[in-house]
Amino acid sequence: TQFSASDEFENSDRVKVVVTAEADGRSTVIYSETHEL
């Protein structure tokens, strides 16, 4: 719901979401997309 403790999401914010999967010392970005609220 927020970027930081003092910076909540607002209408028209463009939020980039990046998800990285990690296992056995390896990592792979499995999702990367920007969403407009």
PDB file of all heavy atoms in Angstrom:
ATOM      1  N   THR A   1       0.827  -1.212   0.000  1.00  0.00           N
ATOM      2  CA  THR A   1       0.000   0.000   0.000  1.00  0.00           C
ATOM      3  C   THR A   1       0.861   1.262   0.000  1.00  0.00           C
ATOM      4  O   THR A   1       0.330   2.357  -0.080  1.00  0.00           O
ATOM      5  CB  THR A   1      -0.918   0.040   1.240  1.00  0.00           C
ATOM      6  OG1 THR A   1      -0.103   0.005   2.409  1.00  0.00           O
ATOM      7  CG2 THR A   1      -1.891  -1.125   1.246  1.00  0.00           C
ATOM      8  N   GLN A   2       2.173   1.076   0.103  1.00  0.00           N
ATOM      9  CA  GLN A   2       3.055   2.231   0.183  1.00  0.00           C
ATOM     10  C   GLN A   2       4.458   1.879  -0.275  1.00  0.00           C
ATOM     11  O   GLN A   2       4.859   0.718  -0.274  1.00  0.00           O
ATOM     12  CB  GLN A   2       3.101   2.760   1.610  1.00  0.00           C
ATOM     13  CG  GLN A   2       3.537   1.723   2.623  1.00  0.00           C
ATOM     14  CD  GLN A   2       3.260   2.163   4.057  1.00  0.00           C
ATOM     15  OE1 GLN A   2       2.347   2.929   4.295  1.00  0.00           O
ATOM     16  NE2 GLN A   2       4.065   1.678   4.973  1.00  0.00           N
ATOM     17  N   PHE A   3       5.190   2.911  -0.681  1.00  0.00           N
ATOM     18  CA  PHE A   3       6.591   2.751  -1.060  1.00  0.00           C
ATOM     19  C   PHE A   3       7.479   2.714   0.170  1.00  0.00           C
ATOM     20  O   PHE A   3       8.462   2.002   0.229  1.00  0.00           O
ATOM     21  CB  PHE A   3       7.038   3.902  -1.971  1.00  0.00           C
ATOM     22  CG  PHE A   3       6.286   3.969  -3.265  1.00  0.00           C
ATOM     23  CD1 PHE A   3       5.435   5.014  -3.534  1.00  0.00           C
ATOM     24  CD2 PHE A   3       6.417   2.974  -4.220  1.00  0.00           C
ATOM     25  CE1 PHE A   3       4.751   5.094  -4.725  1.00  0.00           C
ATOM     26  CE2 PHE A   3       5.734   3.033  -5.412  1.00  0.00           C
ATOM     27  CZ  PHE A   3       4.894   4.095  -5.668  1.00  0.00           C
ATOM     28  N   SER A   4       7.111   3.531   1.164  1.00  0.00           N
ATOM     29  CA  SER A   4       7.851   3.590   2.420  1.00  0.00           C
ATOM     30  C   SER A   4       6.876   4.022   3.507  1.00  0.00           C
ATOM     31  O   SER A   4       5.719   4.314   3.226  1.00  0.00           O
ATOM     32  CB  SER A   4       9.022   4.573   2.315  1.00  0.00           C
ATOM     33  OG  SER A   4       8.539   5.887   2.106  1.00  0.00           O
ATOM     34  N   ALA A   5       7.341   4.087   4.732  1.00  0.00           N
ATOM     35  CA  ALA A   5       6.462   4.419   5.859  1.00  0.00           C
ATOM     36  C   ALA A   5       5.757   5.765   5.679  1.00  0.00           C
ATOM     37  O   ALA A   5       4.653   5.963   6.170  1.00  0.00           O
ATOM     38  CB  ALA A   5       7.253   4.413   7.157  1.00  0.00           C
ATOM     39  N   SER A   6       6.372   6.677   4.953  1.00  0.00           N
ATOM     40  CA  SER A   6       5.774   8.006   4.797  1.00  0.00           C
ATOM     41  C   SER A   6       5.294   8.293   3.381  1.00  0.00           C
ATOM     42  O   SER A   6       4.959   9.420   3.053  1.00  0.00           O
ATOM     43  CB  SER A   6       6.789   9.075   5.211  1.00  0.00           C
ATOM     44  OG  SER A   6       7.928   8.991   4.375  1.00  0.00           O
ATOM     45  N   ASP A   7       5.266   7.282   2.528  1.00  0.00           N
ATOM     46  CA  ASP A   7       4.924   7.511   1.117  1.00  0.00           C
ATOM     47  C   ASP A   7       3.943   6.450   0.628  1.00  0.00           C
ATOM     48  O   ASP A   7       4.335   5.454   0.045  1.00  0.00           O
ATOM     49  CB  ASP A   7       6.196   7.500   0.275  1.00  0.00           C
ATOM     50  CG  ASP A   7       5.958   7.964  -1.153  1.00  0.00           C
ATOM     51  OD1 ASP A   7       4.830   8.384  -1.478  1.00  0.00           O
ATOM     52  OD2 ASP A   7       6.919   7.897  -1.943  1.00  0.00           O
ATOM     53  N   GLU A   8       2.643   6.670   0.866  1.00  0.00           N
ATOM     54  CA  GLU A   8       1.609   5.726   0.446  1.00  0.00           C
ATOM     55  C   GLU A   8       1.325   5.864  -1.046  1.00  0.00           C
ATOM     56  O   GLU A   8       1.545   6.912  -1.638  1.00  0.00           O
ATOM     57  CB  GLU A   8       0.323   5.964   1.240  1.00  0.00           C
ATOM     58  CG  GLU A   8       0.445   5.597   2.696  1.00  0.00           C
ATOM     59  CD  GLU A   8      -0.880   5.655   3.430  1.00  0.00           C
ATOM     60  OE1 GLU A   8      -1.909   5.987   2.812  1.00  0.00           O
ATOM     61  OE2 GLU A   8      -0.877   5.348   4.624  1.00  0.00           O
ATOM     62  N   PHE A   9       0.807   4.771  -1.636  1.00  0.00           N
ATOM     63  CA  PHE A   9       0.384   4.817  -3.028  1.00  0.00           C
ATOM     64  C   PHE A   9      -0.753   5.817  -3.175  1.00  0.00           C
ATOM     65  O   PHE A   9      -1.603   5.940  -2.297  1.00  0.00           O
ATOM     66  CB  PHE A   9      -0.125   3.463  -3.507  1.00  0.00           C
ATOM     67  CG  PHE A   9       0.900   2.356  -3.546  1.00  0.00           C
ATOM     68  CD1 PHE A   9       0.494   1.047  -3.572  1.00  0.00           C
ATOM     69  CD2 PHE A   9       2.255   2.613  -3.577  1.00  0.00           C
ATOM     70  CE1 PHE A   9       1.401   0.002  -3.624  1.00  0.00           C
ATOM     71  CE2 PHE A   9       3.182   1.582  -3.630  1.00  0.00           C
ATOM     72  CZ  PHE A   9       2.752   0.274  -3.651  1.00  0.00           C
ATOM     73  N   GLU A  10      -0.789   6.510  -4.306  1.00  0.00           N
ATOM     74  CA  GLU A  10      -1.863   7.443  -4.615  1.00  0.00           C
ATOM     75  C   GLU A  10      -2.359   7.181  -6.028  1.00  0.00           C
ATOM     76  O   GLU A  10      -1.675   6.535  -6.821  1.00  0.00           O
ATOM     77  CB  GLU A  10      -1.347   8.886  -4.517  1.00  0.00           C
ATOM     78  CG  GLU A  10      -0.867   9.275  -3.135  1.00  0.00           C
ATOM     79  CD  GLU A  10      -0.260  10.675  -3.107  1.00  0.00           C
ATOM     80  OE1 GLU A  10      -0.273  11.361  -4.152  1.00  0.00           O
ATOM     81  OE2 GLU A  10       0.220  11.070  -2.040  1.00  0.00           O
ATOM     82  N   ASN A  11      -3.527   7.731  -6.349  1.00  0.00           N
ATOM     83  CA  ASN A  11      -4.040   7.618  -7.712  1.00  0.00           C
ATOM     84  C   ASN A  11      -3.020   8.195  -8.689  1.00  0.00           C
ATOM     85  O   ASN A  11      -2.353   9.183  -8.388  1.00  0.00           O
ATOM     86  CB  ASN A  11      -5.369   8.367  -7.869  1.00  0.00           C
ATOM     87  CG  ASN A  11      -6.509   7.620  -7.208  1.00  0.00           C
ATOM     88  OD1 ASN A  11      -6.452   6.417  -6.992  1.00  0.00           O
ATOM     89  ND2 ASN A  11      -7.555   8.344  -6.870  1.00  0.00           N
ATOM     90  N   SER A  12      -2.895   7.552  -9.817  1.00  0.00           N
ATOM     91  CA  SER A  12      -1.989   7.942 -10.904  1.00  0.00           C
ATOM     92  C   SER A  12      -0.531   7.578 -10.646  1.00  0.00           C
ATOM     93  O   SER A  12       0.313   7.861 -11.491  1.00  0.00           O
ATOM     94  CB  SER A  12      -2.091   9.436 -11.224  1.00  0.00           C
ATOM     95  OG  SER A  12      -3.410   9.751 -11.588  1.00  0.00           O
ATOM     96  N   ASP A  13      -0.195   6.985  -9.501  1.00  0.00           N
ATOM     97  CA  ASP A  13       1.173   6.498  -9.293  1.00  0.00           C
ATOM     98  C   ASP A  13       1.456   5.384 -10.288  1.00  0.00           C
ATOM     99  O   ASP A  13       0.603   4.552 -10.574  1.00  0.00           O
ATOM    100  CB  ASP A  13       1.362   5.947  -7.872  1.00  0.00           C
ATOM    101  CG  ASP A  13       1.709   7.011  -6.852  1.00  0.00           C
ATOM    102  OD1 ASP A  13       2.088   8.122  -7.258  1.00  0.00           O
ATOM    103  OD2 ASP A  13       1.594   6.714  -5.644  1.00  0.00           O
ATOM    104  N   ARG A  14       2.666   5.386 -10.815  1.00  0.00           N
ATOM    105  CA  ARG A  14       3.126   4.276 -11.659  1.00  0.00           C
ATOM    106  C   ARG A  14       4.090   3.461 -10.806  1.00  0.00           C
ATOM    107  O   ARG A  14       5.141   3.950 -10.417  1.00  0.00           O
ATOM    108  CB  ARG A  14       3.780   4.804 -12.931  1.00  0.00           C
ATOM    109  CG  ARG A  14       2.757   5.479 -13.860  1.00  0.00           C
ATOM    110  CD  ARG A  14       3.372   6.071 -15.111  1.00  0.00           C
ATOM    111  NE  ARG A  14       4.264   5.179 -15.825  1.00  0.00           N
ATOM    112  CZ  ARG A  14       3.875   4.221 -16.692  1.00  0.00           C
ATOM    113  NH1 ARG A  14       2.593   4.042 -16.922  1.00  0.00           N
ATOM    114  NH2 ARG A  14       4.773   3.467 -17.309  1.00  0.00           N
ATOM    115  N   VAL A  15       3.686   2.232 -10.518  1.00  0.00           N
ATOM    116  CA  VAL A  15       4.428   1.378  -9.591  1.00  0.00           C
ATOM    117  C   VAL A  15       5.082   0.235 -10.371  1.00  0.00           C
ATOM    118  O   VAL A  15       4.401  -0.541 -11.041  1.00  0.00           O
ATOM    119  CB  VAL A  15       3.488   0.802  -8.509  1.00  0.00           C
ATOM    120  CG1 VAL A  15       4.266  -0.062  -7.534  1.00  0.00           C
ATOM    121  CG2 VAL A  15       2.751   1.915  -7.786  1.00  0.00           C
ATOM    122  N   LYS A  16       6.393   0.139 -10.270  1.00  0.00           N
ATOM    123  CA  LYS A  16       7.109  -0.968 -10.906  1.00  0.00           C
ATOM    124  C   LYS A  16       7.213  -2.111  -9.906  1.00  0.00           C
ATOM    125  O   LYS A  16       7.646  -1.907  -8.765  1.00  0.00           O
ATOM    126  CB  LYS A  16       8.492  -0.545 -11.368  1.00  0.00           C
ATOM    127  CG  LYS A  16       9.228  -1.666 -12.080  1.00  0.00           C
ATOM    128  CD  LYS A  16      10.461  -1.200 -12.767  1.00  0.00           C
ATOM    129  CE  LYS A  16      11.044  -2.369 -13.552  1.00  0.00           C
ATOM    130  NZ  LYS A  16      12.069  -1.944 -14.469  1.00  0.00           N
ATOM    131  N   VAL A  17       6.818  -3.305 -10.335  1.00  0.00           N
ATOM    132  CA  VAL A  17       6.882  -4.498  -9.492  1.00  0.00           C
ATOM    133  C   VAL A  17       7.894  -5.456 -10.125  1.00  0.00           C
ATOM    134  O   VAL A  17       7.772  -5.811 -11.298  1.00  0.00           O
ATOM    135  CB  VAL A  17       5.503  -5.186  -9.380  1.00  0.00           C
ATOM    136  CG1 VAL A  17       5.600  -6.429  -8.501  1.00  0.00           C
ATOM    137  CG2 VAL A  17       4.450  -4.222  -8.857  1.00  0.00           C
ATOM    138  N   VAL A  18       8.889  -5.861  -9.337  1.00  0.00           N
ATOM    139  CA  VAL A  18       9.888  -6.831  -9.801  1.00  0.00           C
ATOM    140  C   VAL A  18       9.926  -7.977  -8.796  1.00  0.00           C
ATOM    141  O   VAL A  18      10.104  -7.751  -7.602  1.00  0.00           O
ATOM    142  CB  VAL A  18      11.293  -6.197  -9.926  1.00  0.00           C
ATOM    143  CG1 VAL A  18      12.321  -7.242 -10.362  1.00  0.00           C
ATOM    144  CG2 VAL A  18      11.266  -5.031 -10.901  1.00  0.00           C
ATOM    145  N   VAL A  19       9.742  -9.211  -9.302  1.00  0.00           N
ATOM    146  CA  VAL A  19       9.784 -10.397  -8.445  1.00  0.00           C
ATOM    147  C   VAL A  19      10.963 -11.256  -8.880  1.00  0.00           C
ATOM    148  O   VAL A  19      11.086 -11.612 -10.058  1.00  0.00           O
ATOM    149  CB  VAL A  19       8.472 -11.210  -8.533  1.00  0.00           C
ATOM    150  CG1 VAL A  19       8.541 -12.420  -7.609  1.00  0.00           C
ATOM    151  CG2 VAL A  19       7.267 -10.332  -8.208  1.00  0.00           C
ATOM    152  N   THR A  20      11.819 -11.582  -7.910  1.00  0.00           N
ATOM    153  CA  THR A  20      12.993 -12.413  -8.169  1.00  0.00           C
ATOM    154  C   THR A  20      12.851 -13.719  -7.396  1.00  0.00           C
ATOM    155  O   THR A  20      12.580 -13.698  -6.195  1.00  0.00           O
ATOM    156  CB  THR A  20      14.280 -11.686  -7.730  1.00  0.00           C
ATOM    157  OG1 THR A  20      14.335 -10.413  -8.386  1.00  0.00           O
ATOM    158  CG2 THR A  20      15.514 -12.495  -8.078  1.00  0.00           C
ATOM    159  N   ALA A  21      13.002 -14.846  -8.091  1.00  0.00           N
ATOM    160  CA  ALA A  21      12.979 -16.166  -7.450  1.00  0.00           C
ATOM    161  C   ALA A  21      14.415 -16.574  -7.143  1.00  0.00           C
ATOM    162  O   ALA A  21      15.302 -16.412  -7.984  1.00  0.00           O
ATOM    163  CB  ALA A  21      12.317 -17.186  -8.366  1.00  0.00           C
ATOM    164  N   GLU A  22      14.625 -17.121  -5.933  1.00  0.00           N
ATOM    165  CA  GLU A  22      15.963 -17.512  -5.506  1.00  0.00           C
ATOM    166  C   GLU A  22      15.947 -18.936  -4.952  1.00  0.00           C
ATOM    167  O   GLU A  22      15.068 -19.280  -4.171  1.00  0.00           O
ATOM    168  CB  GLU A  22      16.468 -16.548  -4.436  1.00  0.00           C
ATOM    169  CG  GLU A  22      16.526 -15.114  -4.906  1.00  0.00           C
ATOM    170  CD  GLU A  22      16.765 -14.116  -3.785  1.00  0.00           C
ATOM    171  OE1 GLU A  22      16.723 -14.512  -2.606  1.00  0.00           O
ATOM    172  OE2 GLU A  22      16.976 -12.943  -4.105  1.00  0.00           O
ATOM    173  N   ALA A  23      16.922 -19.741  -5.379  1.00  0.00           N
ATOM    174  CA  ALA A  23      17.076 -21.109  -4.874  1.00  0.00           C
ATOM    175  C   ALA A  23      18.502 -21.580  -5.137  1.00  0.00           C
ATOM    176  O   ALA A  23      19.050 -21.338  -6.215  1.00  0.00           O
ATOM    177  CB  ALA A  23      16.085 -22.055  -5.547  1.00  0.00           C
ATOM    178  N   ASP A  24      19.098 -22.243  -4.161  1.00  0.00           N
ATOM    179  CA  ASP A  24      20.437 -22.827  -4.300  1.00  0.00           C
ATOM    180  C   ASP A  24      21.475 -21.841  -4.832  1.00  0.00           C
ATOM    181  O   ASP A  24      22.287 -22.183  -5.686  1.00  0.00           O
ATOM    182  CB  ASP A  24      20.392 -24.061  -5.201  1.00  0.00           C
ATOM    183  CG  ASP A  24      19.670 -25.225  -4.566  1.00  0.00           C
ATOM    184  OD1 ASP A  24      19.581 -25.263  -3.328  1.00  0.00           O
ATOM    185  OD2 ASP A  24      19.176 -26.097  -5.314  1.00  0.00           O
ATOM    186  N   GLY A  25      21.429 -20.601  -4.360  1.00  0.00           N
ATOM    187  CA  GLY A  25      22.415 -19.621  -4.778  1.00  0.00           C
ATOM    188  C   GLY A  25      22.192 -19.033  -6.158  1.00  0.00           C
ATOM    189  O   GLY A  25      23.015 -18.272  -6.651  1.00  0.00           O
ATOM    190  N   ARG A  26      21.104 -19.399  -6.803  1.00  0.00           N
ATOM    191  CA  ARG A  26      20.771 -18.864  -8.123  1.00  0.00           C
ATOM    192  C   ARG A  26      19.565 -17.944  -7.986  1.00  0.00           C
ATOM    193  O   ARG A  26      18.729 -18.138  -7.118  1.00  0.00           O
ATOM    194  CB  ARG A  26      20.422 -19.987  -9.104  1.00  0.00           C
ATOM    195  CG  ARG A  26      21.559 -20.963  -9.344  1.00  0.00           C
ATOM    196  CD  ARG A  26      21.134 -22.157 -10.187  1.00  0.00           C
ATOM    197  NE  ARG A  26      20.193 -22.978  -9.416  1.00  0.00           N
ATOM    198  CZ  ARG A  26      19.005 -23.391  -9.874  1.00  0.00           C
ATOM    199  NH1 ARG A  26      18.597 -23.061 -11.069  1.00  0.00           N
ATOM    200  NH2 ARG A  26      18.233 -24.138  -9.124  1.00  0.00           N
ATOM    201  N   SER A  27      19.478 -16.949  -8.855  1.00  0.00           N
ATOM    202  CA  SER A  27      18.303 -16.077  -8.839  1.00  0.00           C
ATOM    203  C   SER A  27      17.891 -15.739 -10.264  1.00  0.00           C
ATOM    204  O   SER A  27      18.740 -15.620 -11.156  1.00  0.00           O
ATOM    205  CB  SER A  27      18.572 -14.802  -8.037  1.00  0.00           C
ATOM    206  OG  SER A  27      19.563 -14.036  -8.649  1.00  0.00           O
ATOM    207  N   THR A  28      16.578 -15.595 -10.450  1.00  0.00           N
ATOM    208  CA  THR A  28      16.008 -15.285 -11.749  1.00  0.00           C
ATOM    209  C   THR A  28      14.860 -14.303 -11.569  1.00  0.00           C
ATOM    210  O   THR A  28      13.992 -14.520 -10.716  1.00  0.00           O
ATOM    211  CB  THR A  28      15.459 -16.571 -12.421  1.00  0.00           C
ATOM    212  OG1 THR A  28      16.499 -17.544 -12.502  1.00  0.00           O
ATOM    213  CG2 THR A  28      14.922 -16.282 -13.811  1.00  0.00           C
ATOM    214  N   VAL A  29      14.841 -13.241 -12.355  1.00  0.00           N
ATOM    215  CA  VAL A  29      13.693 -12.330 -12.342  1.00  0.00           C
ATOM    216  C   VAL A  29      12.562 -13.040 -13.080  1.00  0.00           C
ATOM    217  O   VAL A  29      12.698 -13.412 -14.252  1.00  0.00           O
ATOM    218  CB  VAL A  29      14.022 -10.985 -13.019  1.00  0.00           C
ATOM    219  CG1 VAL A  29      12.767 -10.129 -13.153  1.00  0.00           C
ATOM    220  CG2 VAL A  29      15.092 -10.243 -12.237  1.00  0.00           C
ATOM    221  N   ILE A  30      11.438 -13.273 -12.374  1.00  0.00           N
ATOM    222  CA  ILE A  30      10.322 -13.999 -12.976  1.00  0.00           C
ATOM    223  C   ILE A  30       9.158 -13.080 -13.328  1.00  0.00           C
ATOM    224  O   ILE A  30       8.221 -13.493 -14.017  1.00  0.00           O
ATOM    225  CB  ILE A  30       9.831 -15.148 -12.068  1.00  0.00           C
ATOM    226  CG1 ILE A  30       9.339 -14.613 -10.722  1.00  0.00           C
ATOM    227  CG2 ILE A  30      10.915 -16.203 -11.902  1.00  0.00           C
ATOM    228  CD1 ILE A  30       8.609 -15.649  -9.896  1.00  0.00           C
ATOM    229  N   TYR A  31       9.204 -11.824 -12.860  1.00  0.00           N
ATOM    230  CA  TYR A  31       8.129 -10.888 -13.158  1.00  0.00           C
ATOM    231  C   TYR A  31       8.684  -9.476 -13.069  1.00  0.00           C
ATOM    232  O   TYR A  31       9.379  -9.138 -12.110  1.00  0.00           O
ATOM    233  CB  TYR A  31       6.987 -11.060 -12.151  1.00  0.00           C
ATOM    234  CG  TYR A  31       5.783 -10.171 -12.401  1.00  0.00           C
ATOM    235  CD1 TYR A  31       4.723 -10.611 -13.181  1.00  0.00           C
ATOM    236  CD2 TYR A  31       5.715  -8.899 -11.863  1.00  0.00           C
ATOM    237  CE1 TYR A  31       3.619  -9.801 -13.415  1.00  0.00           C
ATOM    238  CE2 TYR A  31       4.618  -8.084 -12.092  1.00  0.00           C
ATOM    239  CZ  TYR A  31       3.577  -8.535 -12.858  1.00  0.00           C
ATOM    240  OH  TYR A  31       2.479  -7.740 -13.095  1.00  0.00           O
ATOM    241  N   SER A  32       8.381  -8.658 -14.056  1.00  0.00           N
ATOM    242  CA  SER A  32       8.769  -7.255 -14.037  1.00  0.00           C
ATOM    243  C   SER A  32       7.770  -6.490 -14.883  1.00  0.00           C
ATOM    244  O   SER A  32       7.708  -6.664 -16.090  1.00  0.00           O
ATOM    245  CB  SER A  32      10.185  -7.077 -14.589  1.00  0.00           C
ATOM    246  OG  SER A  32      10.543  -5.712 -14.576  1.00  0.00           O
ATOM    247  N   GLU A  33       6.972  -5.661 -14.208  1.00  0.00           N
ATOM    248  CA  GLU A  33       5.959  -4.906 -14.929  1.00  0.00           C
ATOM    249  C   GLU A  33       5.613  -3.638 -14.156  1.00  0.00           C
ATOM    250  O   GLU A  33       5.717  -3.586 -12.935  1.00  0.00           O
ATOM    251  CB  GLU A  33       4.697  -5.760 -15.096  1.00  0.00           C
ATOM    252  CG  GLU A  33       3.698  -5.172 -16.055  1.00  0.00           C
ATOM    253  CD  GLU A  33       2.617  -6.166 -16.465  1.00  0.00           C
ATOM    254  OE1 GLU A  33       2.909  -7.370 -16.574  1.00  0.00           O
ATOM    255  OE2 GLU A  33       1.479  -5.718 -16.638  1.00  0.00           O
ATOM    256  N   THR A  34       5.206  -2.608 -14.880  1.00  0.00           N
ATOM    257  CA  THR A  34       4.781  -1.355 -14.270  1.00  0.00           C
ATOM    258  C   THR A  34       3.272  -1.262 -14.309  1.00  0.00           C
ATOM    259  O   THR A  34       2.644  -1.527 -15.334  1.00  0.00           O
ATOM    260  CB  THR A  34       5.405  -0.148 -15.019  1.00  0.00           C
ATOM    261  OG1 THR A  34       6.829  -0.278 -14.941  1.00  0.00           O
ATOM    262  CG2 THR A  34       4.969   1.159 -14.390  1.00  0.00           C
ATOM    263  N   HIS A  35       2.681  -0.901 -13.170  1.00  0.00           N
ATOM    264  CA  HIS A  35       1.228  -0.776 -13.029  1.00  0.00           C
ATOM    265  C   HIS A  35       0.872   0.663 -12.708  1.00  0.00           C
ATOM    266  O   HIS A  35       1.553   1.303 -11.904  1.00  0.00           O
ATOM    267  CB  HIS A  35       0.696  -1.681 -11.905  1.00  0.00           C
ATOM    268  CG  HIS A  35       0.967  -3.119 -12.140  1.00  0.00           C
ATOM    269  ND1 HIS A  35       0.110  -3.920 -12.864  1.00  0.00           N
ATOM    270  CD2 HIS A  35       2.004  -3.919 -11.759  1.00  0.00           C
ATOM    271  CE1 HIS A  35       0.589  -5.132 -12.911  1.00  0.00           C
ATOM    272  NE2 HIS A  35       1.745  -5.168 -12.253  1.00  0.00           N
ATOM    273  N   GLU A  36      -0.191   1.158 -13.329  1.00  0.00           N
ATOM    274  CA  GLU A  36      -0.659   2.507 -13.009  1.00  0.00           C
ATOM    275  C   GLU A  36      -1.869   2.388 -12.108  1.00  0.00           C
ATOM    276  O   GLU A  36      -2.839   1.689 -12.413  1.00  0.00           O
ATOM    277  CB  GLU A  36      -1.025   3.275 -14.266  1.00  0.00           C
ATOM    278  CG  GLU A  36      -1.346   4.724 -13.968  1.00  0.00           C
ATOM    279  CD  GLU A  36      -1.361   5.592 -15.205  1.00  0.00           C
ATOM    280  OE1 GLU A  36      -0.778   5.202 -16.224  1.00  0.00           O
ATOM    281  OE2 GLU A  36      -1.954   6.668 -15.133  1.00  0.00           O
ATOM    282  N   LEU A  37      -1.816   3.068 -10.971  1.00  0.00           N
ATOM    283  CA  LEU A  37      -2.930   3.032 -10.029  1.00  0.00           C
ATOM    284  C   LEU A  37      -3.892   4.168 -10.276  1.00  0.00           C
ATOM    285  O   LEU A  37      -3.629   5.110 -10.937  1.00  0.00           O
ATOM    286  CB  LEU A  37      -2.409   3.092  -8.584  1.00  0.00           C
ATOM    287  CG  LEU A  37      -1.500   1.933  -8.183  1.00  0.00           C
ATOM    288  CD1 LEU A  37      -0.998   2.121  -6.768  1.00  0.00           C
ATOM    289  CD2 LEU A  37      -2.236   0.615  -8.290  1.00  0.00           C
TER     290      LEU A  37
END
